[in-house]
Amino acid sequence: MGVKVRKPKGHTSWCVVIDHEGHRKTRAVGSREAAERVKRETEARLALGDAGLIETEKSTPTFSVYSQGWLENKKHERKPSTAGFYGQYLRLYVLPSFGESSLDGIEREKVKRFISDLRARGLAKNTIRLAVTTLRAVLSAAIEDRIIKHNPAQGLGRFVKSEKPKHEATSLTPQEGERLLRVAKEELSLRHYALLLTAVRAGLREGELAGLHWGDIEFGESEEGLDRYILVQRNYDQRWSGTMVTPKNKKSRRIDMSRQLRRVLLELRDQQLVKAFAEGKAEISDELVFPSEAETPIEMNNFCQRVFKPLLASAGLRKIRFHDLRHTFGSLLIQTGASLA
């Protein structure tokens, strides 16, 4: 008799492999913890002489057990934001309806009823679409693991197509951008003004601004030199993990720094160096450029509510998202003749 826990190559779930009197059976279970539990139960049953489970037991895991292992794999394979999204939609919408169902017991009509129930709750179509996307992703993995043969959630797009209009990208005009920066310089602290200027003149995303270190900035020998740039190599994932992750597309990038931005960041750096030396620190390359008051990564949602939105009103500008400053950066570059690439 032999019962082992394995994760076969190409599978997304842990399996229990049973070898008994010339018979071999593999059960896809889900998480490693669940597989270890099934292993102990199986060993106990075989020790009592219950060999019938080798030939007759239909041991398809429940959706809850299987999705647990699937989600653990996603946490290793994908960014925290992706795994967090799947985990949230599983917990809020999918598991309450399918958690106790065996994977092979989920039928297409049940998925349609699931969609109808979400509609009856008054949820937005985009929320329903993402809930079905999560369900479909788990069932697709179960097909790859050869637990089920077809995906009952496949091809239901017409029932969940989102009618939510896409947000159209907008940007400030050159005049509006200058007005915003002028008022920011007059009304904000040097650190907050430098943050706004970096967003407009370098186009960094919110998480990239929060994750920027002084060691990522190359000031060059002078304003006229061409070796002044910002190296974007991390992104602060505030929503899902509260950790630093790689930038979008998992690639770092170099952004040339304007003379104006270089001057302001140098002033902020010198201010920070004075503070660091007073605290007995030799250098600040590993410190954040735009930390919160508690010296932790700045939470951009709070910054937008407390600083950015009031600044727009003070400057007499229309309401825009902070991310639209990135579009402004791109628009201004194009207007000055930069290539689209």
C-alpha atoms as a PDB file:
ATOM      1  CA  MET A   1       0.000   0.000   0.000  1.00  0.00           C
ATOM      2  CA  GLY A   2       1.227   3.465  -0.825  1.00  0.00           C
ATOM      3  CA  VAL A   3      -0.446   6.854  -0.689  1.00  0.00           C
ATOM      4  CA  LYS A   4       1.534   9.903  -1.753  1.00  0.00           C
ATOM      5  CA  VAL A   5       0.896  13.597  -2.203  1.00  0.00           C
ATOM      6  CA  ARG A   6       2.223  15.060  -5.451  1.00  0.00           C
ATOM      7  CA  LYS A   7       1.747  17.954  -7.799  1.00  0.00           C
ATOM      8  CA  PRO A   8       2.172  16.557 -11.335  1.00  0.00           C
ATOM      9  CA  LYS A   9       3.855  18.792 -13.877  1.00  0.00           C
ATOM     10  CA  GLY A  10       1.333  20.993 -15.647  1.00  0.00           C
ATOM     11  CA  HIS A  11      -1.334  20.582 -12.942  1.00  0.00           C
ATOM     12  CA  THR A  12      -2.669  23.506 -10.922  1.00  0.00           C
ATOM     13  CA  SER A  13      -3.761  21.407  -7.936  1.00  0.00           C
ATOM     14  CA  TRP A  14      -2.133  18.931  -5.554  1.00  0.00           C
ATOM     15  CA  CYS A  15      -3.029  15.282  -6.060  1.00  0.00           C
ATOM     16  CA  VAL A  16      -3.233  12.160  -3.935  1.00  0.00           C
ATOM     17  CA  VAL A  17      -1.721   9.134  -5.697  1.00  0.00           C
ATOM     18  CA  ILE A  18      -2.938   5.749  -4.403  1.00  0.00           C
ATOM     19  CA  ASP A  19      -1.012   2.517  -5.177  1.00  0.00           C
ATOM     20  CA  HIS A  20      -2.739  -0.562  -3.783  1.00  0.00           C
ATOM     21  CA  GLU A  21      -2.451  -4.223  -4.838  1.00  0.00           C
ATOM     22  CA  GLY A  22      -1.575  -3.433  -8.417  1.00  0.00           C
ATOM     23  CA  HIS A  23      -4.126  -0.661  -8.777  1.00  0.00           C
ATOM     24  CA  ARG A  24      -3.212   2.981  -9.159  1.00  0.00           C
ATOM     25  CA  LYS A  25      -5.462   6.000  -8.855  1.00  0.00           C
ATOM     26  CA  THR A  26      -4.753   9.736  -8.844  1.00  0.00           C
ATOM     27  CA  ARG A  27      -7.108  12.206  -7.199  1.00  0.00           C
ATOM     28  CA  ALA A  28      -6.803  15.935  -7.915  1.00  0.00           C
ATOM     29  CA  VAL A  29      -7.718  17.597  -4.617  1.00  0.00           C
ATOM     30  CA  GLY A  30      -6.726  21.267  -4.517  1.00  0.00           C
ATOM     31  CA  SER A  31      -4.407  22.740  -1.898  1.00  0.00           C
ATOM     32  CA  ARG A  32      -1.509  20.828  -0.377  1.00  0.00           C
ATOM     33  CA  GLU A  33      -3.145  20.950   3.054  1.00  0.00           C
ATOM     34  CA  ALA A  34      -6.331  19.378   1.677  1.00  0.00           C
ATOM     35  CA  ALA A  35      -4.304  16.713  -0.139  1.00  0.00           C
ATOM     36  CA  GLU A  36      -2.437  15.794   3.050  1.00  0.00           C
ATOM     37  CA  ARG A  37      -5.773  15.434   4.853  1.00  0.00           C
ATOM     38  CA  VAL A  38      -7.170  13.177   2.107  1.00  0.00           C
ATOM     39  CA  LYS A  39      -3.952  11.139   2.216  1.00  0.00           C
ATOM     40  CA  ARG A  40      -4.375  10.446   5.941  1.00  0.00           C
ATOM     41  CA  GLU A  41      -8.041   9.518   5.505  1.00  0.00           C
ATOM     42  CA  THR A  42      -7.237   7.218   2.594  1.00  0.00           C
ATOM     43  CA  GLU A  43      -4.441   5.448   4.475  1.00  0.00           C
ATOM     44  CA  ALA A  44      -6.804   4.852   7.395  1.00  0.00           C
ATOM     45  CA  ARG A  45      -9.516   3.398   5.149  1.00  0.00           C
ATOM     46  CA  LEU A  46      -7.089   1.130   3.300  1.00  0.00           C
ATOM     47  CA  ALA A  47      -5.657  -0.086   6.617  1.00  0.00           C
ATOM     48  CA  LEU A  48      -9.180  -1.167   7.572  1.00  0.00           C
ATOM     49  CA  GLY A  49      -9.489  -3.148   4.356  1.00  0.00           C
ATOM     50  CA  ASP A  50     -11.639  -0.694   2.394  1.00  0.00           C
ATOM     51  CA  ALA A  51     -10.014  -1.303  -1.013  1.00  0.00           C
ATOM     52  CA  GLY A  52     -13.232  -0.623  -2.868  1.00  0.00           C
ATOM     53  CA  LEU A  53     -12.466   3.069  -3.035  1.00  0.00           C
ATOM     54  CA  ILE A  54      -9.722   2.316  -5.591  1.00  0.00           C
ATOM     55  CA  GLU A  55     -12.209   1.083  -8.176  1.00  0.00           C
ATOM     56  CA  THR A  56     -15.494   2.674  -7.253  1.00  0.00           C
ATOM     57  CA  GLU A  57     -15.024   5.932  -5.402  1.00  0.00           C
ATOM     58  CA  LYS A  58     -15.888   8.983  -7.436  1.00  0.00           C
ATOM     59  CA  SER A  59     -13.723  11.572  -5.751  1.00  0.00           C
ATOM     60  CA  THR A  60     -14.130  14.791  -7.656  1.00  0.00           C
ATOM     61  CA  PRO A  61     -13.211  17.627  -5.276  1.00  0.00           C
ATOM     62  CA  THR A  62     -15.668  20.314  -4.349  1.00  0.00           C
ATOM     63  CA  PHE A  63     -15.330  23.707  -5.975  1.00  0.00           C
ATOM     64  CA  SER A  64     -14.302  25.197  -2.618  1.00  0.00           C
ATOM     65  CA  VAL A  65     -11.456  22.740  -2.055  1.00  0.00           C
ATOM     66  CA  TYR A  66     -10.182  22.913  -5.624  1.00  0.00           C
ATOM     67  CA  SER A  67     -10.376  26.715  -5.887  1.00  0.00           C
ATOM     68  CA  GLN A  68      -8.347  27.047  -2.685  1.00  0.00           C
ATOM     69  CA  GLY A  69      -5.385  25.263  -4.257  1.00  0.00           C
ATOM     70  CA  TRP A  70      -5.923  27.087  -7.544  1.00  0.00           C
ATOM     71  CA  LEU A  71      -5.802  30.457  -5.786  1.00  0.00           C
ATOM     72  CA  GLU A  72      -2.619  29.540  -3.906  1.00  0.00           C
ATOM     73  CA  ASN A  73      -0.956  28.817  -7.247  1.00  0.00           C
ATOM     74  CA  LYS A  74      -2.140  32.155  -8.620  1.00  0.00           C
ATOM     75  CA  LYS A  75      -0.429  33.920  -5.714  1.00  0.00           C
ATOM     76  CA  HIS A  76       2.879  32.453  -6.890  1.00  0.00           C
ATOM     77  CA  GLU A  77       2.291  32.832 -10.626  1.00  0.00           C
ATOM     78  CA  ARG A  78       0.695  36.278 -10.838  1.00  0.00           C
ATOM     79  CA  LYS A  79       1.045  39.688  -9.287  1.00  0.00           C
ATOM     80  CA  PRO A  80      -0.659  40.273  -5.923  1.00  0.00           C
ATOM     81  CA  SER A  81      -3.233  42.499  -7.632  1.00  0.00           C
ATOM     82  CA  THR A  82      -4.346  39.645  -9.929  1.00  0.00           C
ATOM     83  CA  ALA A  83      -4.477  37.054  -7.150  1.00  0.00           C
ATOM     84  CA  GLY A  84      -6.249  39.570  -4.916  1.00  0.00           C
ATOM     85  CA  PHE A  85      -8.885  40.213  -7.565  1.00  0.00           C
ATOM     86  CA  TYR A  86      -9.596  36.488  -7.966  1.00  0.00           C
ATOM     87  CA  GLY A  87      -9.701  35.965  -4.209  1.00  0.00           C
ATOM     88  CA  GLN A  88     -12.157  38.808  -3.701  1.00  0.00           C
ATOM     89  CA  TYR A  89     -14.578  37.635  -6.382  1.00  0.00           C
ATOM     90  CA  LEU A  90     -14.372  34.046  -5.207  1.00  0.00           C
ATOM     91  CA  ARG A  91     -15.195  35.036  -1.638  1.00  0.00           C
ATOM     92  CA  LEU A  92     -17.955  37.544  -2.405  1.00  0.00           C
ATOM     93  CA  TYR A  93     -19.791  35.899  -5.294  1.00  0.00           C
ATOM     94  CA  VAL A  94     -18.631  32.488  -6.509  1.00  0.00           C
ATOM     95  CA  LEU A  95     -18.069  30.385  -3.383  1.00  0.00           C
ATOM     96  CA  PRO A  96     -21.465  31.192  -1.813  1.00  0.00           C
ATOM     97  CA  SER A  97     -23.116  29.635  -4.894  1.00  0.00           C
ATOM     98  CA  PHE A  98     -20.713  26.859  -5.906  1.00  0.00           C
ATOM     99  CA  GLY A  99     -18.465  26.196  -2.907  1.00  0.00           C
ATOM    100  CA  GLU A 100     -20.121  22.933  -1.820  1.00  0.00           C
ATOM    101  CA  SER A 101     -20.734  21.646  -5.353  1.00  0.00           C
ATOM    102  CA  SER A 102     -18.450  18.998  -6.815  1.00  0.00           C
ATOM    103  CA  LEU A 103     -16.651  20.249  -9.900  1.00  0.00           C
ATOM    104  CA  ASP A 104     -18.394  17.762 -12.160  1.00  0.00           C
ATOM    105  CA  GLY A 105     -21.755  18.672 -10.648  1.00  0.00           C
ATOM    106  CA  ILE A 106     -21.727  22.265 -11.893  1.00  0.00           C
ATOM    107  CA  GLU A 107     -24.022  22.423 -14.910  1.00  0.00           C
ATOM    108  CA  ARG A 108     -24.604  25.185 -17.411  1.00  0.00           C
ATOM    109  CA  GLU A 109     -28.127  25.869 -16.157  1.00  0.00           C
ATOM    110  CA  LYS A 110     -26.777  26.383 -12.664  1.00  0.00           C
ATOM    111  CA  VAL A 111     -24.315  28.959 -13.996  1.00  0.00           C
ATOM    112  CA  LYS A 112     -27.162  30.766 -15.762  1.00  0.00           C
ATOM    113  CA  ARG A 113     -29.146  30.822 -12.512  1.00  0.00           C
ATOM    114  CA  PHE A 114     -26.049  32.192 -10.798  1.00  0.00           C
ATOM    115  CA  ILE A 115     -25.999  35.086 -13.282  1.00  0.00           C
ATOM    116  CA  SER A 116     -29.720  35.688 -12.792  1.00  0.00           C
ATOM    117  CA  ASP A 117     -29.292  35.778  -9.011  1.00  0.00           C
ATOM    118  CA  LEU A 118     -26.499  38.356  -9.284  1.00  0.00           C
ATOM    119  CA  ARG A 119     -28.693  40.463 -11.555  1.00  0.00           C
ATOM    120  CA  ALA A 120     -31.550  40.242  -9.046  1.00  0.00           C
ATOM    121  CA  ARG A 121     -29.203  41.690  -6.407  1.00  0.00           C
ATOM    122  CA  GLY A 122     -28.832  44.793  -8.542  1.00  0.00           C
ATOM    123  CA  LEU A 123     -25.119  44.334  -9.152  1.00  0.00           C
ATOM    124  CA  ALA A 124     -23.456  46.186 -12.005  1.00  0.00           C
ATOM    125  CA  LYS A 125     -23.006  44.194 -15.199  1.00  0.00           C
ATOM    126  CA  ASN A 126     -19.255  44.632 -14.980  1.00  0.00           C
ATOM    127  CA  THR A 127     -19.255  43.060 -11.503  1.00  0.00           C
ATOM    128  CA  ILE A 128     -21.303  40.120 -12.802  1.00  0.00           C
ATOM    129  CA  ARG A 129     -18.960  39.725 -15.765  1.00  0.00           C
ATOM    130  CA  LEU A 130     -15.907  39.569 -13.487  1.00  0.00           C
ATOM    131  CA  ALA A 131     -17.604  37.054 -11.171  1.00  0.00           C
ATOM    132  CA  VAL A 132     -18.307  34.759 -14.129  1.00  0.00           C
ATOM    133  CA  THR A 133     -14.744  35.314 -15.383  1.00  0.00           C
ATOM    134  CA  THR A 134     -13.442  34.049 -12.036  1.00  0.00           C
ATOM    135  CA  LEU A 135     -15.715  30.995 -12.113  1.00  0.00           C
ATOM    136  CA  ARG A 136     -14.689  30.231 -15.694  1.00  0.00           C
ATOM    137  CA  ALA A 137     -10.975  30.515 -14.861  1.00  0.00           C
ATOM    138  CA  VAL A 138     -11.213  27.951 -12.052  1.00  0.00           C
ATOM    139  CA  LEU A 139     -13.190  25.518 -14.206  1.00  0.00           C
ATOM    140  CA  SER A 140     -10.721  25.923 -17.086  1.00  0.00           C
ATOM    141  CA  ALA A 141      -7.923  24.895 -14.727  1.00  0.00           C
ATOM    142  CA  ALA A 142      -9.976  21.852 -13.706  1.00  0.00           C
ATOM    143  CA  ILE A 143     -10.154  20.862 -17.379  1.00  0.00           C
ATOM    144  CA  GLU A 144      -6.360  21.121 -17.630  1.00  0.00           C
ATOM    145  CA  ASP A 145      -6.122  18.885 -14.558  1.00  0.00           C
ATOM    146  CA  ARG A 146      -8.454  16.390 -16.299  1.00  0.00           C
ATOM    147  CA  ILE A 147     -11.010  16.570 -13.524  1.00  0.00           C
ATOM    148  CA  ILE A 148     -13.861  17.726 -15.767  1.00  0.00           C
ATOM    149  CA  LYS A 149     -14.296  17.536 -19.535  1.00  0.00           C
ATOM    150  CA  HIS A 150     -16.044  20.807 -20.364  1.00  0.00           C
ATOM    151  CA  ASN A 151     -16.477  24.285 -18.899  1.00  0.00           C
ATOM    152  CA  PRO A 152     -20.138  25.122 -18.189  1.00  0.00           C
ATOM    153  CA  ALA A 153     -19.264  28.805 -17.772  1.00  0.00           C
ATOM    154  CA  GLN A 154     -17.756  29.087 -21.242  1.00  0.00           C
ATOM    155  CA  GLY A 155     -19.521  31.134 -23.925  1.00  0.00           C
ATOM    156  CA  LEU A 156     -21.898  33.074 -21.681  1.00  0.00           C
ATOM    157  CA  GLY A 157     -20.615  36.482 -22.713  1.00  0.00           C
ATOM    158  CA  ARG A 158     -23.944  37.608 -24.146  1.00  0.00           C
ATOM    159  CA  PHE A 159     -25.510  37.267 -20.688  1.00  0.00           C
ATOM    160  CA  VAL A 160     -22.875  39.320 -18.880  1.00  0.00           C
ATOM    161  CA  LYS A 161     -21.600  41.822 -21.437  1.00  0.00           C
ATOM    162  CA  SER A 162     -20.813  45.038 -19.620  1.00  0.00           C
ATOM    163  CA  GLU A 163     -22.622  48.188 -20.630  1.00  0.00           C
ATOM    164  CA  LYS A 164     -20.391  50.339 -18.472  1.00  0.00           C
ATOM    165  CA  PRO A 165     -18.848  52.988 -20.709  1.00  0.00           C
ATOM    166  CA  LYS A 166     -15.104  53.012 -20.836  1.00  0.00           C
ATOM    167  CA  HIS A 167     -13.422  56.002 -19.224  1.00  0.00           C
ATOM    168  CA  GLU A 168     -12.094  58.195 -21.973  1.00  0.00           C
ATOM    169  CA  ALA A 169      -8.538  59.295 -21.444  1.00  0.00           C
ATOM    170  CA  THR A 170      -8.253  63.014 -20.849  1.00  0.00           C
ATOM    171  CA  SER A 171      -5.371  65.376 -20.310  1.00  0.00           C
ATOM    172  CA  LEU A 172      -4.706  68.941 -19.322  1.00  0.00           C
ATOM    173  CA  THR A 173      -3.814  71.492 -21.962  1.00  0.00           C
ATOM    174  CA  PRO A 174      -0.336  73.070 -21.720  1.00  0.00           C
ATOM    175  CA  GLN A 175      -1.938  76.169 -20.183  1.00  0.00           C
ATOM    176  CA  GLU A 176      -3.914  74.123 -17.653  1.00  0.00           C
ATOM    177  CA  GLY A 177      -0.819  72.121 -16.752  1.00  0.00           C
ATOM    178  CA  GLU A 178       1.196  75.268 -16.098  1.00  0.00           C
ATOM    179  CA  ARG A 179      -1.611  76.710 -13.979  1.00  0.00           C
ATOM    180  CA  LEU A 180      -1.825  73.544 -11.910  1.00  0.00           C
ATOM    181  CA  LEU A 181       1.917  73.520 -11.263  1.00  0.00           C
ATOM    182  CA  ARG A 182       2.004  77.243 -10.488  1.00  0.00           C
ATOM    183  CA  VAL A 183      -0.711  76.958  -7.851  1.00  0.00           C
ATOM    184  CA  ALA A 184       0.872  73.772  -6.486  1.00  0.00           C
ATOM    185  CA  LYS A 185       4.192  75.579  -6.011  1.00  0.00           C
ATOM    186  CA  GLU A 186       2.444  78.421  -4.187  1.00  0.00           C
ATOM    187  CA  GLU A 187       0.201  76.358  -1.936  1.00  0.00           C
ATOM    188  CA  LEU A 188       1.829  72.965  -1.337  1.00  0.00           C
ATOM    189  CA  SER A 189       4.891  71.755   0.538  1.00  0.00           C
ATOM    190  CA  LEU A 190       8.037  71.170  -1.492  1.00  0.00           C
ATOM    191  CA  ARG A 191       7.526  67.398  -1.285  1.00  0.00           C
ATOM    192  CA  HIS A 192       3.934  67.523  -2.566  1.00  0.00           C
ATOM    193  CA  TYR A 193       4.831  70.009  -5.281  1.00  0.00           C
ATOM    194  CA  ALA A 194       7.706  67.766  -6.394  1.00  0.00           C
ATOM    195  CA  LEU A 195       5.336  64.785  -6.498  1.00  0.00           C
ATOM    196  CA  LEU A 196       2.897  66.661  -8.774  1.00  0.00           C
ATOM    197  CA  LEU A 197       5.734  67.901 -10.956  1.00  0.00           C
ATOM    198  CA  THR A 198       7.128  64.355 -11.305  1.00  0.00           C
ATOM    199  CA  ALA A 199       3.694  63.104 -12.358  1.00  0.00           C
ATOM    200  CA  VAL A 200       3.317  65.810 -15.020  1.00  0.00           C
ATOM    201  CA  ARG A 201       6.902  65.918 -16.276  1.00  0.00           C
ATOM    202  CA  ALA A 202       7.782  62.200 -16.049  1.00  0.00           C
ATOM    203  CA  GLY A 203       4.403  60.442 -16.295  1.00  0.00           C
ATOM    204  CA  LEU A 204       4.893  58.022 -13.404  1.00  0.00           C
ATOM    205  CA  ARG A 205       1.886  56.011 -12.253  1.00  0.00           C
ATOM    206  CA  GLU A 206       0.584  56.429  -8.707  1.00  0.00           C
ATOM    207  CA  GLY A 207       2.203  53.239  -7.383  1.00  0.00           C
ATOM    208  CA  GLU A 208       5.484  54.102  -9.126  1.00  0.00           C
ATOM    209  CA  LEU A 209       5.578  57.486  -7.412  1.00  0.00           C
ATOM    210  CA  ALA A 210       4.926  55.806  -4.061  1.00  0.00           C
ATOM    211  CA  GLY A 211       7.716  53.293  -4.716  1.00  0.00           C
ATOM    212  CA  LEU A 212      10.371  55.725  -6.006  1.00  0.00           C
ATOM    213  CA  HIS A 213      13.695  55.715  -4.102  1.00  0.00           C
ATOM    214  CA  TRP A 214      16.416  58.336  -4.243  1.00  0.00           C
ATOM    215  CA  GLY A 215      18.749  55.702  -5.635  1.00  0.00           C
ATOM    216  CA  ASP A 216      16.484  55.460  -8.694  1.00  0.00           C
ATOM    217  CA  ILE A 217      17.290  59.032  -9.743  1.00  0.00           C
ATOM    218  CA  GLU A 218      20.394  59.932 -11.765  1.00  0.00           C
ATOM    219  CA  PHE A 219      20.858  63.695 -11.634  1.00  0.00           C
ATOM    220  CA  GLY A 220      23.864  63.837 -13.954  1.00  0.00           C
ATOM    221  CA  GLU A 221      26.724  66.304 -13.744  1.00  0.00           C
ATOM    222  CA  SER A 222      24.706  69.329 -14.848  1.00  0.00           C
ATOM    223  CA  GLU A 223      21.402  70.506 -16.274  1.00  0.00           C
ATOM    224  CA  GLU A 224      22.875  70.416 -19.749  1.00  0.00           C
ATOM    225  CA  GLY A 225      24.074  66.819 -19.520  1.00  0.00           C
ATOM    226  CA  LEU A 226      22.126  63.995 -21.121  1.00  0.00           C
ATOM    227  CA  ASP A 227      22.720  61.559 -18.255  1.00  0.00           C
ATOM    228  CA  ARG A 228      19.847  62.739 -16.068  1.00  0.00           C
ATOM    229  CA  TYR A 229      16.973  60.290 -15.745  1.00  0.00           C
ATOM    230  CA  ILE A 230      14.610  58.379 -13.443  1.00  0.00           C
ATOM    231  CA  LEU A 231      14.789  54.582 -13.392  1.00  0.00           C
ATOM    232  CA  VAL A 232      11.308  53.175 -12.682  1.00  0.00           C
ATOM    233  CA  GLN A 233      11.792  49.694 -11.243  1.00  0.00           C
ATOM    234  CA  ARG A 234       9.126  49.172  -8.592  1.00  0.00           C
ATOM    235  CA  ASN A 235       5.458  49.815  -7.948  1.00  0.00           C
ATOM    236  CA  TYR A 236       3.743  50.062  -4.553  1.00  0.00           C
ATOM    237  CA  ASP A 237       0.726  47.751  -4.518  1.00  0.00           C
ATOM    238  CA  GLN A 238      -1.409  49.569  -1.949  1.00  0.00           C
ATOM    239  CA  ARG A 239      -4.703  47.799  -2.570  1.00  0.00           C
ATOM    240  CA  TRP A 240      -3.872  44.102  -2.495  1.00  0.00           C
ATOM    241  CA  SER A 241      -0.569  43.327  -0.819  1.00  0.00           C
ATOM    242  CA  GLY A 242       0.833  46.531   0.666  1.00  0.00           C
ATOM    243  CA  THR A 243       4.221  45.603  -0.808  1.00  0.00           C
ATOM    244  CA  MET A 244       6.569  46.731  -3.547  1.00  0.00           C
ATOM    245  CA  VAL A 245       6.123  44.796  -6.786  1.00  0.00           C
ATOM    246  CA  THR A 246       7.493  45.167 -10.300  1.00  0.00           C
ATOM    247  CA  PRO A 247       6.078  47.885 -12.577  1.00  0.00           C
ATOM    248  CA  LYS A 248       3.353  47.120 -15.086  1.00  0.00           C
ATOM    249  CA  ASN A 249       4.452  44.508 -17.659  1.00  0.00           C
ATOM    250  CA  LYS A 250       7.118  43.473 -15.122  1.00  0.00           C
ATOM    251  CA  LYS A 251       9.698  45.678 -16.835  1.00  0.00           C
ATOM    252  CA  SER A 252      11.719  48.580 -15.515  1.00  0.00           C
ATOM    253  CA  ARG A 253      12.063  51.659 -17.722  1.00  0.00           C
ATOM    254  CA  ARG A 254      14.151  54.806 -17.946  1.00  0.00           C
ATOM    255  CA  ILE A 255      12.560  58.257 -18.181  1.00  0.00           C
ATOM    256  CA  ASP A 256      14.613  61.282 -19.141  1.00  0.00           C
ATOM    257  CA  MET A 257      14.373  64.091 -16.594  1.00  0.00           C
ATOM    258  CA  SER A 258      13.676  67.701 -17.562  1.00  0.00           C
ATOM    259  CA  ARG A 259      15.820  70.540 -16.257  1.00  0.00           C
ATOM    260  CA  GLN A 260      12.902  71.894 -14.229  1.00  0.00           C
ATOM    261  CA  LEU A 261      12.232  68.542 -12.584  1.00  0.00           C
ATOM    262  CA  ARG A 262      15.935  68.034 -11.896  1.00  0.00           C
ATOM    263  CA  ARG A 263      16.148  71.366 -10.045  1.00  0.00           C
ATOM    264  CA  VAL A 264      13.117  70.662  -7.864  1.00  0.00           C
ATOM    265  CA  LEU A 265      14.139  67.097  -7.019  1.00  0.00           C
ATOM    266  CA  LEU A 266      17.671  68.273  -6.184  1.00  0.00           C
ATOM    267  CA  GLU A 267      16.206  70.822  -3.773  1.00  0.00           C
ATOM    268  CA  LEU A 268      14.044  68.128  -2.175  1.00  0.00           C
ATOM    269  CA  ARG A 269      17.019  65.735  -2.002  1.00  0.00           C
ATOM    270  CA  ASP A 270      19.208  68.344  -0.278  1.00  0.00           C
ATOM    271  CA  GLN A 271      16.431  68.982   2.216  1.00  0.00           C
ATOM    272  CA  GLN A 272      16.193  65.261   2.899  1.00  0.00           C
ATOM    273  CA  LEU A 273      19.979  64.909   3.211  1.00  0.00           C
ATOM    274  CA  VAL A 274      20.112  67.579   5.907  1.00  0.00           C
ATOM    275  CA  LYS A 275      17.473  65.694   7.867  1.00  0.00           C
ATOM    276  CA  ALA A 276      19.252  62.361   7.352  1.00  0.00           C
ATOM    277  CA  PHE A 277      22.634  63.715   8.494  1.00  0.00           C
ATOM    278  CA  ALA A 278      20.995  65.161  11.612  1.00  0.00           C
ATOM    279  CA  GLU A 279      19.723  61.648  12.363  1.00  0.00           C
ATOM    280  CA  GLY A 280      23.162  60.134  11.867  1.00  0.00           C
ATOM    281  CA  LYS A 281      22.530  58.587   8.467  1.00  0.00           C
ATOM    282  CA  ALA A 282      25.302  58.541   5.874  1.00  0.00           C
ATOM    283  CA  GLU A 283      23.126  58.411   2.734  1.00  0.00           C
ATOM    284  CA  ILE A 284      19.513  58.163   1.560  1.00  0.00           C
ATOM    285  CA  SER A 285      19.613  56.098  -1.634  1.00  0.00           C
ATOM    286  CA  ASP A 286      17.314  53.435  -0.144  1.00  0.00           C
ATOM    287  CA  GLU A 287      14.808  55.951   1.207  1.00  0.00           C
ATOM    288  CA  LEU A 288      11.521  56.906  -0.440  1.00  0.00           C
ATOM    289  CA  VAL A 289      11.381  60.144  -2.401  1.00  0.00           C
ATOM    290  CA  PHE A 290       7.720  60.781  -1.534  1.00  0.00           C
ATOM    291  CA  PRO A 291       6.970  59.058   1.784  1.00  0.00           C
ATOM    292  CA  SER A 292       3.964  59.686   3.984  1.00  0.00           C
ATOM    293  CA  GLU A 293       4.277  61.710   7.167  1.00  0.00           C
ATOM    294  CA  ALA A 294       4.968  58.419   8.926  1.00  0.00           C
ATOM    295  CA  GLU A 295       7.836  57.729   6.477  1.00  0.00           C
ATOM    296  CA  THR A 296       5.901  54.809   4.940  1.00  0.00           C
ATOM    297  CA  PRO A 297       4.879  54.560   1.259  1.00  0.00           C
ATOM    298  CA  ILE A 298       2.399  57.336   0.565  1.00  0.00           C
ATOM    299  CA  GLU A 299      -1.201  56.208   0.056  1.00  0.00           C
ATOM    300  CA  MET A 300      -2.174  57.940  -3.148  1.00  0.00           C
ATOM    301  CA  ASN A 301      -5.913  57.625  -2.501  1.00  0.00           C
ATOM    302  CA  ASN A 302      -5.499  59.782   0.582  1.00  0.00           C
ATOM    303  CA  PHE A 303      -3.226  62.187  -1.277  1.00  0.00           C
ATOM    304  CA  CYS A 304      -5.803  62.620  -4.040  1.00  0.00           C
ATOM    305  CA  GLN A 305      -8.593  63.322  -1.557  1.00  0.00           C
ATOM    306  CA  ARG A 306      -6.657  65.651   0.739  1.00  0.00           C
ATOM    307  CA  VAL A 307      -4.330  67.383  -1.714  1.00  0.00           C
ATOM    308  CA  PHE A 308      -4.999  66.798  -5.411  1.00  0.00           C
ATOM    309  CA  LYS A 309      -8.750  67.411  -5.603  1.00  0.00           C
ATOM    310  CA  PRO A 310      -8.615  70.607  -3.484  1.00  0.00           C
ATOM    311  CA  LEU A 311      -5.692  71.779  -5.645  1.00  0.00           C
ATOM    312  CA  LEU A 312      -7.761  71.396  -8.825  1.00  0.00           C
ATOM    313  CA  ALA A 313     -10.512  73.504  -7.275  1.00  0.00           C
ATOM    314  CA  SER A 314      -8.033  76.112  -6.079  1.00  0.00           C
ATOM    315  CA  ALA A 315      -6.534  76.343  -9.585  1.00  0.00           C
ATOM    316  CA  GLY A 316     -10.002  76.642 -11.143  1.00  0.00           C
ATOM    317  CA  LEU A 317      -9.524  73.471 -13.189  1.00  0.00           C
ATOM    318  CA  ARG A 318     -12.016  70.795 -14.187  1.00  0.00           C
ATOM    319  CA  LYS A 319     -12.141  67.534 -12.267  1.00  0.00           C
ATOM    320  CA  ILE A 320      -9.722  64.923 -13.554  1.00  0.00           C
ATOM    321  CA  ARG A 321      -8.213  61.742 -12.148  1.00  0.00           C
ATOM    322  CA  PHE A 322      -4.657  61.770 -10.867  1.00  0.00           C
ATOM    323  CA  HIS A 323      -3.862  59.169 -13.541  1.00  0.00           C
ATOM    324  CA  ASP A 324      -4.808  61.766 -16.155  1.00  0.00           C
ATOM    325  CA  LEU A 325      -1.559  63.556 -15.299  1.00  0.00           C
ATOM    326  CA  ARG A 326       0.156  60.599 -16.992  1.00  0.00           C
ATOM    327  CA  HIS A 327      -1.967  61.248 -20.089  1.00  0.00           C
ATOM    328  CA  THR A 328      -1.010  64.917 -19.812  1.00  0.00           C
ATOM    329  CA  PHE A 329       2.669  63.940 -19.823  1.00  0.00           C
ATOM    330  CA  GLY A 330       2.194  61.896 -22.996  1.00  0.00           C
ATOM    331  CA  SER A 331       0.083  64.566 -24.679  1.00  0.00           C
ATOM    332  CA  LEU A 332       2.632  67.295 -23.995  1.00  0.00           C
ATOM    333  CA  LEU A 333       5.435  65.136 -25.397  1.00  0.00           C
ATOM    334  CA  ILE A 334       3.505  64.469 -28.584  1.00  0.00           C
ATOM    335  CA  GLN A 335       2.751  68.169 -29.002  1.00  0.00           C
ATOM    336  CA  THR A 336       6.459  68.950 -28.800  1.00  0.00           C
ATOM    337  CA  GLY A 337       7.238  66.464 -31.560  1.00  0.00           C
ATOM    338  CA  ALA A 338       8.161  63.310 -29.649  1.00  0.00           C
ATOM    339  CA  SER A 339       7.493  60.011 -31.396  1.00  0.00           C
ATOM    340  CA  LEU A 340       4.528  57.893 -30.270  1.00  0.00           C
ATOM    341  CA  ALA A 341       6.919  55.116 -29.288  1.00  0.00           C
END
